[in-house]
Structure formats: C-alpha cells, structure tokens
Amino acid sequence: MFQVKRILYPTDFSPYSNQAYFHAVALAETHKADMVVTYVYKAGQAPTDGRDSEADRAFWRGQLEQIRPANSAIPVQHVFLEGEPAAEIARYAAESGIDLIVMGTHGRTGRELQLMGSVAEQTLRKAHCSVLVIKLPRATIKPDVEIRGPGLKS
C-alpha cells in the first residue's frame, strides 16, 4: 500500500496553487500526514512594490507563514527556498523524505509551454517521489444560459 507520511505543497500564491492546497490538506487529513508548505523565491526575481530584495524576501516569507490548514491536527512546516523552482522543489523533497508533492499547474500548452516550460512538468521529471498535479476546474455553462442550435429546443 502507498504510505503518505509527508506531503509537500509548493505555492506561488496563484489560484492554480490555491486549488492544489485543498487537495494537499484533504490528503494530509486522510493519511494523517505532515504537511510542508514551501515557496521558492526565484533567482533574480525582481522585488515587488518598490521593496528592496531583503524586504521582498521578508514579505514572501510572511505570506508563506500565513498558510495553515483549519485543522490544527495537521502538523505544518513552512520552508522558504531560493533558486529555480522545479529544481529546488525536487531537491528539497528528496532531502526531506517527502512522499508526495501536491502542486497546481497553470495549464499552459503549445508554444507557450515550449517557450516557458512548466514548473509542474519539470518537477514531475526531477522528483524522486510521486507528484499530484492539480488544475483549476474547467468553466461550466451557467444553468440560466439558454442554449440554441440545430436540433435543440428552446
């Protein structure tokens, strides 16, 4: 049986990684696993909102520390990393005995994916453990929208 004792949840604070958060928490509850929340400060990242680089790092560390499951029974650790995200996530997972990485994906395809790559895809390739990649649900048609077309009654 697949044993999950330590779950790594990397975040970039986007809606994509927020969606993965709910899966990571549910899995931690189900498996009674520890959860490690991490943020990778990208090498050469430009500081935001006019902060200097140290103030910017402090800001992102503060954001990271705020991520806590409502269920206080889940042990949580926060880890601030610096470097290339996929490589740092995979390295940390290997060095820390992580059993499962749960992360979001932006869902880039085609030329955009070829040019930019995907942190999730690169992590899948580099990680020693299983990686669960979560995407945002597809938009659904609102029930109050009327659909018309050949063969459809309105």
Foldseek 3Di string as FASTA:
>chain_A
DQAFAEEEQEDPPDVQSVVLLVVRVVVCVVRVHAYEYEYEAEVPDDAPPPDDPVVSLVVVQVVQVPDDDPPPSHHYHYDYHYYDQLVVVQVCCVVPVGAEYGGGWPPDDDPVCVVPPTSLVSNCVRHPHYYHYGYDDDDDDDPVDDDDDPPDDD
